[in-house]
Amino acid sequence: MLVEEYNGWTNVFTWLVMLWVNNNEVLQATAREAAKADGADGLEALINDLADDAVESSCLWADLLGHALGQVNWQECADSMLEE
């Protein structure tokens, strides 16, 4: 069961992505550029590419990470990146 509205965000997965993105200056700048260029789709592609680079393609961790990233509200993330 997923908990909705976590710390002001749609859910815990959205909050976690933005927590980590906003606490890394390089990642934050890269994410902002992706959101400016291609909106939510660009931001999602960036984070998914980084996840693919970090985890083997066929393993428990990749499946869990993929499921978690599938729950992220990318539009909310992109909107937040573009507001700043």
Protein backbone atom coordinates (compact mmCIF):
# COMPACT_ATOMS: atom_id res chain seq x y z
CA MET A 1 0.00 0.00 0.00
CA LEU A 2 1.41 3.37 -1.00
CA VAL A 3 1.14 6.37 1.25
CA GLU A 4 -0.08 9.42 -0.63
CA GLU A 5 1.03 13.00 -0.05
CA TYR A 6 4.37 12.60 1.67
CA ASN A 7 6.04 15.77 3.02
CA GLY A 8 4.04 17.93 0.62
CA TRP A 9 4.74 15.74 -2.43
CA THR A 10 2.47 13.29 -4.25
CA ASN A 11 4.13 10.28 -2.58
CA VAL A 12 7.30 9.13 -0.87
CA PHE A 13 8.97 8.20 -4.18
CA THR A 14 8.49 11.67 -5.61
CA TRP A 15 9.79 13.20 -2.38
CA LEU A 16 12.85 10.93 -2.36
CA VAL A 17 13.80 11.80 -5.94
CA MET A 18 13.53 15.50 -5.24
CA LEU A 19 15.35 15.19 -1.92
CA TRP A 20 18.36 13.61 -3.60
CA VAL A 21 18.25 15.82 -6.68
CA ASN A 22 18.07 19.00 -4.63
CA ASN A 23 20.89 17.96 -2.32
CA ASN A 24 23.44 17.57 -5.12
CA GLU A 25 24.35 20.78 -6.95
CA VAL A 26 25.56 19.06 -10.13
CA LEU A 27 22.58 16.74 -10.32
CA GLN A 28 20.21 19.62 -9.56
CA ALA A 29 21.63 21.71 -12.41
CA THR A 30 21.53 18.77 -14.81
CA ALA A 31 17.97 17.92 -13.78
CA ARG A 32 16.86 21.52 -14.22
CA GLU A 33 18.31 21.59 -17.74
CA ALA A 34 16.56 18.31 -18.58
CA ALA A 35 13.27 19.71 -17.29
CA LYS A 36 13.75 22.95 -19.26
CA ALA A 37 14.53 21.07 -22.45
CA ASP A 38 11.95 18.27 -22.34
CA GLY A 39 9.76 18.79 -19.28
CA ALA A 40 8.75 15.82 -17.19
CA ASP A 41 9.83 13.37 -19.91
CA GLY A 42 13.36 14.79 -19.94
CA LEU A 43 13.68 14.65 -16.18
CA GLU A 44 12.35 11.10 -16.04
CA ALA A 45 14.75 10.00 -18.79
CA LEU A 46 17.70 11.55 -16.97
CA ILE A 47 16.92 9.85 -13.66
CA ASN A 48 16.17 6.51 -15.34
CA ASP A 49 19.47 6.68 -17.24
CA LEU A 50 21.33 7.35 -13.99
CA ALA A 51 19.52 4.45 -12.33
CA ASP A 52 20.41 2.15 -15.23
CA ASP A 53 24.06 3.13 -14.86
CA ALA A 54 24.00 2.48 -11.12
CA VAL A 55 22.37 -0.96 -11.06
CA GLU A 56 22.79 -4.13 -13.10
CA SER A 57 19.95 -4.55 -15.56
CA SER A 58 18.67 -7.91 -14.31
CA CYS A 59 18.55 -8.16 -10.56
CA LEU A 60 16.29 -7.66 -7.59
CA TRP A 61 17.60 -4.12 -7.02
CA ALA A 62 16.89 -3.08 -10.60
CA ASP A 63 13.33 -4.36 -10.33
CA LEU A 64 12.75 -2.59 -7.02
CA LEU A 65 14.29 0.65 -8.27
CA GLY A 66 12.33 0.50 -11.50
CA HIS A 67 9.08 0.01 -9.61
CA ALA A 68 9.84 2.91 -7.26
CA LEU A 69 10.74 5.22 -10.14
CA GLY A 70 7.51 4.22 -11.85
CA GLN A 71 5.61 5.74 -8.92
CA VAL A 72 7.28 9.15 -9.18
CA ASN A 73 5.13 12.09 -10.25
CA TRP A 74 7.56 13.41 -12.87
CA GLN A 75 5.35 16.35 -13.79
CA GLU A 76 5.39 17.54 -10.20
CA CYS A 77 9.18 17.17 -10.12
CA ALA A 78 9.65 19.07 -13.38
CA ASP A 79 7.29 21.83 -12.27
CA SER A 80 9.27 22.20 -9.06
CA MET A 81 12.59 22.32 -10.94
CA LEU A 82 11.28 25.03 -13.27
CA GLU A 83 9.84 27.18 -10.43
CA GLU A 84 13.25 27.65 -8.83
